[in-house]
Amino acid sequence: MPDMTPFANDSAAIEIGDLKLENGHDRIACYGSLDLTRDKAGLALARQLHAVLAAVVQALEGDASLPDAVPPPKKRGTVKNPF
């Protein structure tokens, strides 16, 4: 599995193909795209994705204090352009 412990920090990120997965304490953000082709390369990518998702599921299932839902992310304020 690529090196990322789910929900351990707010800084780890991995890429599988063009799919980005960013770690967070309360959510894993996934964006981009991933083509799982019917060949050995597609199989390798599918195995990487499977390993990451299995680790996420294991982390969630192992949390006895798992809430029903987390609040949506806070909207970032605007910053005045310094230029």
C-alpha atoms as a PDB file:
ATOM      1  CA  MET A   1       0.000   0.000   0.000  1.00  0.00           C
ATOM      2  CA  PRO A   2       1.210   3.514  -0.633  1.00  0.00           C
ATOM      3  CA  ASP A   3       2.516   5.214   2.490  1.00  0.00           C
ATOM      4  CA  MET A   4      -0.479   6.875   4.159  1.00  0.00           C
ATOM      5  CA  THR A   5      -2.140   6.026   7.453  1.00  0.00           C
ATOM      6  CA  PRO A   6      -5.805   7.001   7.080  1.00  0.00           C
ATOM      7  CA  PHE A   7      -6.990   9.806   9.366  1.00  0.00           C
ATOM      8  CA  ALA A   8      -3.557  10.095  11.041  1.00  0.00           C
ATOM      9  CA  ASN A   9      -2.758  13.659   9.978  1.00  0.00           C
ATOM     10  CA  ASP A  10      -3.765  16.539   7.759  1.00  0.00           C
ATOM     11  CA  SER A  11      -0.675  16.484   5.568  1.00  0.00           C
ATOM     12  CA  ALA A  12      -0.171  13.090   3.894  1.00  0.00           C
ATOM     13  CA  ALA A  13      -1.244  12.684   0.295  1.00  0.00           C
ATOM     14  CA  ILE A  14      -0.782   9.988  -2.307  1.00  0.00           C
ATOM     15  CA  GLU A  15      -1.432   9.613  -6.012  1.00  0.00           C
ATOM     16  CA  ILE A  16      -2.635   6.546  -7.844  1.00  0.00           C
ATOM     17  CA  GLY A  17      -2.544   7.387 -11.512  1.00  0.00           C
ATOM     18  CA  ASP A  18      -4.199  10.808 -11.701  1.00  0.00           C
ATOM     19  CA  LEU A  19      -6.319  10.135  -8.603  1.00  0.00           C
ATOM     20  CA  LYS A  20      -5.240  12.178  -5.587  1.00  0.00           C
ATOM     21  CA  LEU A  21      -6.053  11.114  -2.029  1.00  0.00           C
ATOM     22  CA  GLU A  22      -5.418  13.676   0.711  1.00  0.00           C
ATOM     23  CA  ASN A  23      -5.411  12.590   4.319  1.00  0.00           C
ATOM     24  CA  GLY A  24      -7.256  14.414   7.059  1.00  0.00           C
ATOM     25  CA  HIS A  25      -8.185  13.784  10.675  1.00  0.00           C
ATOM     26  CA  ASP A  26     -11.894  13.620   9.842  1.00  0.00           C
ATOM     27  CA  ARG A  27     -12.014  12.889   6.091  1.00  0.00           C
ATOM     28  CA  ILE A  28     -10.050  11.541   3.137  1.00  0.00           C
ATOM     29  CA  ALA A  29     -10.413  13.763   0.070  1.00  0.00           C
ATOM     30  CA  CYS A  30     -10.340  11.985  -3.295  1.00  0.00           C
ATOM     31  CA  TYR A  31     -10.232  13.834  -6.576  1.00  0.00           C
ATOM     32  CA  GLY A  32      -8.952  13.409 -10.095  1.00  0.00           C
ATOM     33  CA  SER A  33      -9.399  10.405 -12.314  1.00  0.00           C
ATOM     34  CA  LEU A  34      -8.147   6.859 -12.551  1.00  0.00           C
ATOM     35  CA  ASP A  35      -8.476   4.572 -15.546  1.00  0.00           C
ATOM     36  CA  LEU A  36      -8.402   0.925 -14.556  1.00  0.00           C
ATOM     37  CA  THR A  37      -7.508  -0.712 -17.843  1.00  0.00           C
ATOM     38  CA  ARG A  38      -7.930  -4.403 -18.515  1.00  0.00           C
ATOM     39  CA  ASP A  39      -4.220  -5.187 -18.468  1.00  0.00           C
ATOM     40  CA  LYS A  40      -1.352  -5.670 -15.999  1.00  0.00           C
ATOM     41  CA  ALA A  41      -0.974  -1.930 -15.477  1.00  0.00           C
ATOM     42  CA  GLY A  42      -4.682  -1.638 -14.657  1.00  0.00           C
ATOM     43  CA  LEU A  43      -4.402  -4.559 -12.258  1.00  0.00           C
ATOM     44  CA  ALA A  44      -1.497  -2.901 -10.455  1.00  0.00           C
ATOM     45  CA  LEU A  45      -3.460   0.349 -10.086  1.00  0.00           C
ATOM     46  CA  ALA A  46      -6.560  -1.518  -8.909  1.00  0.00           C
ATOM     47  CA  ARG A  47      -4.493  -3.308  -6.262  1.00  0.00           C
ATOM     48  CA  GLN A  48      -3.082   0.013  -5.013  1.00  0.00           C
ATOM     49  CA  LEU A  49      -6.556   1.543  -4.800  1.00  0.00           C
ATOM     50  CA  HIS A  50      -7.898  -1.571  -3.089  1.00  0.00           C
ATOM     51  CA  ALA A  51      -5.125  -1.436  -0.479  1.00  0.00           C
ATOM     52  CA  VAL A  52      -5.806   2.213   0.315  1.00  0.00           C
ATOM     53  CA  LEU A  53      -9.568   1.706   0.582  1.00  0.00           C
ATOM     54  CA  ALA A  54      -9.092  -1.424   2.715  1.00  0.00           C
ATOM     55  CA  ALA A  55      -6.938   0.612   5.121  1.00  0.00           C
ATOM     56  CA  VAL A  56      -9.621   3.334   5.265  1.00  0.00           C
ATOM     57  CA  VAL A  57     -12.351   0.777   5.983  1.00  0.00           C
ATOM     58  CA  GLN A  58     -10.197  -0.883   8.644  1.00  0.00           C
ATOM     59  CA  ALA A  59      -9.548   2.466  10.336  1.00  0.00           C
ATOM     60  CA  LEU A  60     -13.253   3.331  10.319  1.00  0.00           C
ATOM     61  CA  GLU A  61     -14.363  -0.076  11.568  1.00  0.00           C
ATOM     62  CA  GLY A  62     -11.749   0.037  14.338  1.00  0.00           C
ATOM     63  CA  ASP A  63     -12.984   3.346  15.753  1.00  0.00           C
ATOM     64  CA  ALA A  64     -15.364   2.608  18.629  1.00  0.00           C
ATOM     65  CA  SER A  65     -16.285   6.293  18.932  1.00  0.00           C
ATOM     66  CA  LEU A  66     -17.181   6.754  15.266  1.00  0.00           C
ATOM     67  CA  PRO A  67     -19.797   9.545  15.026  1.00  0.00           C
ATOM     68  CA  ASP A  68     -22.894   9.344  12.846  1.00  0.00           C
ATOM     69  CA  ALA A  69     -21.568  12.225  10.729  1.00  0.00           C
ATOM     70  CA  VAL A  70     -18.837  14.855  10.737  1.00  0.00           C
ATOM     71  CA  PRO A  71     -19.641  18.500  10.097  1.00  0.00           C
ATOM     72  CA  PRO A  72     -18.867  19.801   6.612  1.00  0.00           C
ATOM     73  CA  PRO A  73     -15.483  21.439   6.172  1.00  0.00           C
ATOM     74  CA  LYS A  74     -15.288  25.077   7.177  1.00  0.00           C
ATOM     75  CA  LYS A  75     -15.373  27.501   4.290  1.00  0.00           C
ATOM     76  CA  ARG A  76     -12.182  29.422   3.915  1.00  0.00           C
ATOM     77  CA  GLY A  77     -12.424  33.184   4.121  1.00  0.00           C
ATOM     78  CA  THR A  78     -11.140  35.440   1.418  1.00  0.00           C
ATOM     79  CA  VAL A  79      -7.791  37.074   1.757  1.00  0.00           C
ATOM     80  CA  LYS A  80      -7.172  40.576   0.497  1.00  0.00           C
ATOM     81  CA  ASN A  81      -4.930  40.558  -2.548  1.00  0.00           C
ATOM     82  CA  PRO A  82      -1.599  42.110  -1.511  1.00  0.00           C
ATOM     83  CA  PHE A  83      -0.872  43.327  -5.042  1.00  0.00           C
END
